[in-house]
Amino acid sequence: MLRTCYGPTESTTFATYYPLCELRDEDTALPIGFPIQNTRVYLIDQGRLCEQGQSGEVCLAGPGLSPGYLGLPDVNRERFFECLIGEHQERLYRTGD
């Protein structure tokens, strides 16, 4: 069985997977799939969690996230941030997707 996987280097290896039972010529897009164990995927827009069906940026959370970029504090502040998810603060990574 084929699987498609999604994830930037900042999430260690990959963050999501999707089993492909069949791949057809007319398929123009693939889902990013489901989060791997101990990984959370959120859609965030302007610092807030998106409602179902709303567009936003893919952000990742979990123990597999990088601690940040060595010697690049400005980039770290831009890409890694804290966000209130439900009743808990989560450290998230902005993927740019």
C-alpha atoms as a PDB file:
ATOM      1  CA  MET A   1       0.000   0.000   0.000  1.00  0.00           C
ATOM      2  CA  LEU A   2       1.226   3.471  -0.854  1.00  0.00           C
ATOM      3  CA  ARG A   3       1.104   6.322   1.648  1.00  0.00           C
ATOM      4  CA  THR A   4       1.496  10.020   1.132  1.00  0.00           C
ATOM      5  CA  CYS A   5       3.236  11.854   3.960  1.00  0.00           C
ATOM      6  CA  TYR A   6       3.418  15.554   4.771  1.00  0.00           C
ATOM      7  CA  GLY A   7       5.709  17.417   7.097  1.00  0.00           C
ATOM      8  CA  PRO A   8       8.470  19.979   7.187  1.00  0.00           C
ATOM      9  CA  THR A   9      11.898  19.310   8.669  1.00  0.00           C
ATOM     10  CA  GLU A  10      10.868  21.337  11.738  1.00  0.00           C
ATOM     11  CA  SER A  11       8.510  18.502  12.730  1.00  0.00           C
ATOM     12  CA  THR A  12      11.378  15.950  12.781  1.00  0.00           C
ATOM     13  CA  THR A  13      10.311  13.697   9.888  1.00  0.00           C
ATOM     14  CA  PHE A  14       6.713  13.955   8.787  1.00  0.00           C
ATOM     15  CA  ALA A  15       3.595  15.032  10.631  1.00  0.00           C
ATOM     16  CA  THR A  16       0.741  13.410   8.703  1.00  0.00           C
ATOM     17  CA  TYR A  17       0.094  10.381   6.526  1.00  0.00           C
ATOM     18  CA  TYR A  18      -2.665   9.191   4.229  1.00  0.00           C
ATOM     19  CA  PRO A  19      -3.017   5.644   2.872  1.00  0.00           C
ATOM     20  CA  LEU A  20      -3.494   5.552  -0.897  1.00  0.00           C
ATOM     21  CA  CYS A  21      -5.580   2.617  -2.020  1.00  0.00           C
ATOM     22  CA  GLU A  22      -5.704   3.838  -5.584  1.00  0.00           C
ATOM     23  CA  LEU A  23      -4.087   6.679  -7.522  1.00  0.00           C
ATOM     24  CA  ARG A  24      -5.836   7.690 -10.727  1.00  0.00           C
ATOM     25  CA  ASP A  25      -4.582   9.892 -13.566  1.00  0.00           C
ATOM     26  CA  GLU A  26      -7.403  12.381 -12.929  1.00  0.00           C
ATOM     27  CA  ASP A  27      -6.398  12.883  -9.272  1.00  0.00           C
ATOM     28  CA  THR A  28      -4.983  16.406  -9.122  1.00  0.00           C
ATOM     29  CA  ALA A  29      -4.649  16.752  -5.350  1.00  0.00           C
ATOM     30  CA  LEU A  30      -4.028  14.465  -2.403  1.00  0.00           C
ATOM     31  CA  PRO A  31      -5.127  15.024   1.192  1.00  0.00           C
ATOM     32  CA  ILE A  32      -2.356  15.620   3.720  1.00  0.00           C
ATOM     33  CA  GLY A  33      -4.037  12.948   5.807  1.00  0.00           C
ATOM     34  CA  PHE A  34      -4.085  12.246   9.511  1.00  0.00           C
ATOM     35  CA  PRO A  35      -1.624  13.361  12.213  1.00  0.00           C
ATOM     36  CA  ILE A  36       0.927  10.792  13.293  1.00  0.00           C
ATOM     37  CA  GLN A  37       1.027   9.773  16.956  1.00  0.00           C
ATOM     38  CA  ASN A  38       1.794  12.650  19.386  1.00  0.00           C
ATOM     39  CA  THR A  39       1.346  15.271  16.651  1.00  0.00           C
ATOM     40  CA  ARG A  40      -1.465  17.780  16.380  1.00  0.00           C
ATOM     41  CA  VAL A  41      -2.420  19.707  13.233  1.00  0.00           C
ATOM     42  CA  TYR A  42      -4.381  22.962  13.376  1.00  0.00           C
ATOM     43  CA  LEU A  43      -5.582  25.531  10.872  1.00  0.00           C
ATOM     44  CA  ILE A  44      -4.887  28.993  12.265  1.00  0.00           C
ATOM     45  CA  ASP A  45      -5.960  32.359  10.870  1.00  0.00           C
ATOM     46  CA  GLN A  46      -4.671  35.575  12.454  1.00  0.00           C
ATOM     47  CA  GLY A  47      -3.669  33.762  15.637  1.00  0.00           C
ATOM     48  CA  ARG A  48      -7.007  32.011  16.117  1.00  0.00           C
ATOM     49  CA  LEU A  49      -8.170  28.453  15.539  1.00  0.00           C
ATOM     50  CA  CYS A  50     -10.262  28.182  12.358  1.00  0.00           C
ATOM     51  CA  GLU A  51     -13.811  26.913  12.327  1.00  0.00           C
ATOM     52  CA  GLN A  52     -14.633  23.840  10.234  1.00  0.00           C
ATOM     53  CA  GLY A  53     -14.607  24.748   6.531  1.00  0.00           C
ATOM     54  CA  GLN A  54     -12.630  27.962   7.087  1.00  0.00           C
ATOM     55  CA  SER A  55      -9.256  28.490   5.381  1.00  0.00           C
ATOM     56  CA  GLY A  56      -6.107  29.037   7.400  1.00  0.00           C
ATOM     57  CA  GLU A  57      -2.425  28.241   7.717  1.00  0.00           C
ATOM     58  CA  VAL A  58      -1.381  24.696   8.633  1.00  0.00           C
ATOM     59  CA  CYS A  59       0.309  24.764  12.045  1.00  0.00           C
ATOM     60  CA  LEU A  60       1.831  21.806  13.862  1.00  0.00           C
ATOM     61  CA  ALA A  61       2.196  20.993  17.557  1.00  0.00           C
ATOM     62  CA  GLY A  62       3.657  18.164  19.604  1.00  0.00           C
ATOM     63  CA  PRO A  63       6.880  16.872  21.121  1.00  0.00           C
ATOM     64  CA  GLY A  64       8.418  16.241  17.678  1.00  0.00           C
ATOM     65  CA  LEU A  65       8.718  19.962  16.916  1.00  0.00           C
ATOM     66  CA  SER A  66      12.163  21.443  16.648  1.00  0.00           C
ATOM     67  CA  PRO A  67      13.215  23.708  19.522  1.00  0.00           C
ATOM     68  CA  GLY A  68      13.916  26.341  16.856  1.00  0.00           C
ATOM     69  CA  TYR A  69      16.631  27.604  14.554  1.00  0.00           C
ATOM     70  CA  LEU A  70      20.085  27.908  16.100  1.00  0.00           C
ATOM     71  CA  GLY A  71      21.187  31.533  16.284  1.00  0.00           C
ATOM     72  CA  LEU A  72      18.081  32.921  14.527  1.00  0.00           C
ATOM     73  CA  PRO A  73      15.873  34.423  17.253  1.00  0.00           C
ATOM     74  CA  ASP A  74      13.907  36.635  14.825  1.00  0.00           C
ATOM     75  CA  VAL A  75      12.994  33.659  12.620  1.00  0.00           C
ATOM     76  CA  ASN A  76      12.083  31.627  15.713  1.00  0.00           C
ATOM     77  CA  ARG A  77       9.641  34.335  16.849  1.00  0.00           C
ATOM     78  CA  GLU A  78       8.096  34.416  13.373  1.00  0.00           C
ATOM     79  CA  ARG A  79       7.691  30.646  12.885  1.00  0.00           C
ATOM     80  CA  PHE A  80       7.150  29.288  16.427  1.00  0.00           C
ATOM     81  CA  PHE A  81       4.439  30.792  18.621  1.00  0.00           C
ATOM     82  CA  GLU A  82       2.074  30.121  21.507  1.00  0.00           C
ATOM     83  CA  CYS A  83      -1.651  29.822  20.812  1.00  0.00           C
ATOM     84  CA  LEU A  84      -4.642  29.117  23.023  1.00  0.00           C
ATOM     85  CA  ILE A  85      -6.265  25.886  21.803  1.00  0.00           C
ATOM     86  CA  GLY A  86      -9.346  25.167  23.874  1.00  0.00           C
ATOM     87  CA  GLU A  87      -8.197  25.775  27.434  1.00  0.00           C
ATOM     88  CA  HIS A  88      -4.504  25.008  26.846  1.00  0.00           C
ATOM     89  CA  GLN A  89      -1.573  26.976  25.472  1.00  0.00           C
ATOM     90  CA  GLU A  90       0.140  25.113  22.640  1.00  0.00           C
ATOM     91  CA  ARG A  91       3.515  25.823  21.085  1.00  0.00           C
ATOM     92  CA  LEU A  92       2.904  25.803  17.333  1.00  0.00           C
ATOM     93  CA  TYR A  93       5.013  25.902  14.201  1.00  0.00           C
ATOM     94  CA  ARG A  94       3.770  27.914  11.208  1.00  0.00           C
ATOM     95  CA  THR A  95       4.371  25.763   8.125  1.00  0.00           C
ATOM     96  CA  GLY A  96       3.580  28.458   5.577  1.00  0.00           C
ATOM     97  CA  ASP A  97       1.057  26.102   3.949  1.00  0.00           C
END
